[in-house]
Amino acid sequence: MPNTHSRLSPAKRAFLSRAQQTADARLTDPDFTVEAFSRLMGLSRSQLFRKVKEATGASVSAFIRSRRLKQALRLMDEGVSPLVKMARECGFGNDTYFRACFKQEYGVPPSEYWKGN
């Protein structure tokens, strides 16, 4: 995500921290949607989109996807989960979509990343 945490105003840093905690608490739920996220944050969809975009440079969907992919990296690095379960444990309802997102974000498919660790 383009903006770095350190360049944000204190209010935006606080918002981003709350958004990350809120998203991270629900990452395993494949039904965790933008709508659910906005309700949990107490914001309208458009307010949430604007604030996430200002803080990260990304859309709300990309923000959630990025948090899920970071969770996948943590699980792989810790050796916690077999790769075949990874997509579901990170809230992706579809293994193919998970692999495509992972490769787009990190440049290698999850299987290659897993082998390298």
Protein backbone atom coordinates (compact mmCIF):
# COMPACT_ATOMS: atom_id res chain seq x y z
CA MET A 1 0.00 0.00 0.00
CA PRO A 2 1.50 3.32 -1.07
CA ASN A 3 1.20 5.42 2.09
CA THR A 4 3.48 4.59 4.96
CA HIS A 5 2.13 4.47 8.46
CA SER A 6 4.71 6.99 9.74
CA ARG A 7 3.66 9.73 7.29
CA LEU A 8 0.05 9.71 8.45
CA SER A 9 -1.46 12.24 10.82
CA PRO A 10 -2.17 10.95 14.33
CA ALA A 11 -5.90 10.77 13.54
CA LYS A 12 -5.29 8.74 10.37
CA ARG A 13 -2.83 6.48 12.21
CA ALA A 14 -5.46 5.85 14.90
CA PHE A 15 -8.10 5.13 12.26
CA LEU A 16 -5.76 2.77 10.38
CA SER A 17 -4.83 0.94 13.57
CA ARG A 18 -8.52 0.49 14.45
CA ALA A 19 -9.32 -0.63 10.90
CA GLN A 20 -6.48 -3.17 10.96
CA GLN A 21 -7.58 -4.56 14.33
CA THR A 22 -11.20 -4.76 13.20
CA ALA A 23 -10.30 -6.50 9.94
CA ASP A 24 -7.75 -8.83 11.54
CA ALA A 25 -10.31 -10.03 14.08
CA ARG A 26 -12.54 -11.25 11.24
CA LEU A 27 -10.12 -12.38 8.55
CA THR A 28 -11.05 -16.04 8.78
CA ASP A 29 -14.68 -15.28 7.93
CA PRO A 30 -15.15 -15.54 4.15
CA ASP A 31 -18.41 -13.61 4.59
CA PHE A 32 -16.55 -10.59 6.02
CA THR A 33 -17.54 -8.02 3.43
CA VAL A 34 -17.11 -4.30 2.93
CA GLU A 35 -20.64 -3.87 4.26
CA ALA A 36 -19.86 -5.81 7.44
CA PHE A 37 -16.62 -3.89 7.84
CA SER A 38 -18.36 -0.53 7.51
CA ARG A 39 -20.97 -1.55 10.12
CA LEU A 40 -18.26 -2.66 12.55
CA MET A 41 -16.36 0.58 12.03
CA GLY A 42 -19.55 2.62 12.49
CA LEU A 43 -19.16 4.30 9.12
CA SER A 44 -21.09 4.36 5.87
CA ARG A 45 -19.53 2.49 2.95
CA SER A 46 -18.53 5.75 1.31
CA GLN A 47 -16.97 7.14 4.51
CA LEU A 48 -15.04 3.90 5.03
CA PHE A 49 -13.87 3.91 1.42
CA ARG A 50 -12.70 7.52 1.67
CA LYS A 51 -10.86 7.01 4.97
CA VAL A 52 -9.19 3.75 3.91
CA LYS A 53 -8.20 5.29 0.57
CA GLU A 54 -6.70 8.34 2.34
CA ALA A 55 -4.78 6.19 4.83
CA THR A 56 -3.57 3.42 2.53
CA GLY A 57 -4.09 4.45 -1.08
CA ALA A 58 -6.10 1.26 -1.58
CA SER A 59 -9.78 0.38 -1.81
CA VAL A 60 -11.52 -1.28 1.13
CA SER A 61 -11.59 -4.61 -0.72
CA ALA A 62 -7.86 -4.37 -1.43
CA PHE A 63 -7.23 -3.46 2.21
CA ILE A 64 -9.10 -6.55 3.46
CA ARG A 65 -7.40 -8.76 0.85
CA SER A 66 -4.00 -7.40 1.84
CA ARG A 67 -4.66 -8.14 5.53
CA ARG A 68 -5.73 -11.69 4.60
CA LEU A 69 -2.59 -12.23 2.53
CA LYS A 70 -0.39 -10.95 5.37
CA GLN A 71 -2.12 -13.46 7.65
CA ALA A 72 -1.31 -16.20 5.12
CA LEU A 73 2.36 -15.17 5.18
CA ARG A 74 2.41 -15.27 8.99
CA LEU A 75 0.86 -18.73 9.02
CA MET A 76 3.29 -20.00 6.39
CA ASP A 77 6.30 -18.49 8.14
CA GLU A 78 5.22 -20.08 11.43
CA GLY A 79 4.57 -23.43 9.72
CA VAL A 80 1.17 -23.41 11.41
CA SER A 81 -1.03 -24.62 8.61
CA PRO A 82 -0.82 -27.01 5.69
CA LEU A 83 -0.94 -25.07 2.45
CA VAL A 84 -4.15 -26.77 1.32
CA LYS A 85 -6.04 -25.18 4.24
CA MET A 86 -4.44 -21.76 3.91
CA ALA A 87 -7.11 -20.11 1.75
CA ARG A 88 -9.92 -20.97 4.13
CA GLU A 89 -7.93 -20.08 7.24
CA CYS A 90 -7.35 -16.62 5.80
CA GLY A 91 -10.96 -16.03 4.77
CA PHE A 92 -10.68 -16.78 1.05
CA GLY A 93 -13.64 -18.86 -0.04
CA ASN A 94 -11.89 -20.03 -3.20
CA ASP A 95 -8.43 -21.64 -3.44
CA THR A 96 -7.89 -20.47 -7.02
CA TYR A 97 -8.64 -16.86 -6.09
CA PHE A 98 -6.30 -17.11 -3.09
CA ARG A 99 -3.46 -18.40 -5.26
CA ALA A 100 -4.02 -15.67 -7.87
CA CYS A 101 -4.11 -12.91 -5.23
CA PHE A 102 -1.04 -14.29 -3.48
CA LYS A 103 0.95 -14.46 -6.70
CA GLN A 104 -0.13 -10.95 -7.72
CA GLU A 105 0.87 -9.53 -4.31
CA TYR A 106 4.12 -11.43 -3.71
CA GLY A 107 5.27 -12.45 -7.19
CA VAL A 108 5.26 -16.19 -6.54
CA PRO A 109 2.49 -18.73 -6.01
CA PRO A 110 1.93 -19.75 -2.38
CA SER A 111 3.35 -23.22 -3.05
CA GLU A 112 6.70 -21.74 -4.08
CA TYR A 113 6.77 -19.39 -1.11
CA TRP A 114 5.93 -22.32 1.20
CA LYS A 115 8.78 -24.42 -0.23
CA GLY A 116 11.23 -21.56 0.29
CA ASN A 117 10.56 -21.35 4.01
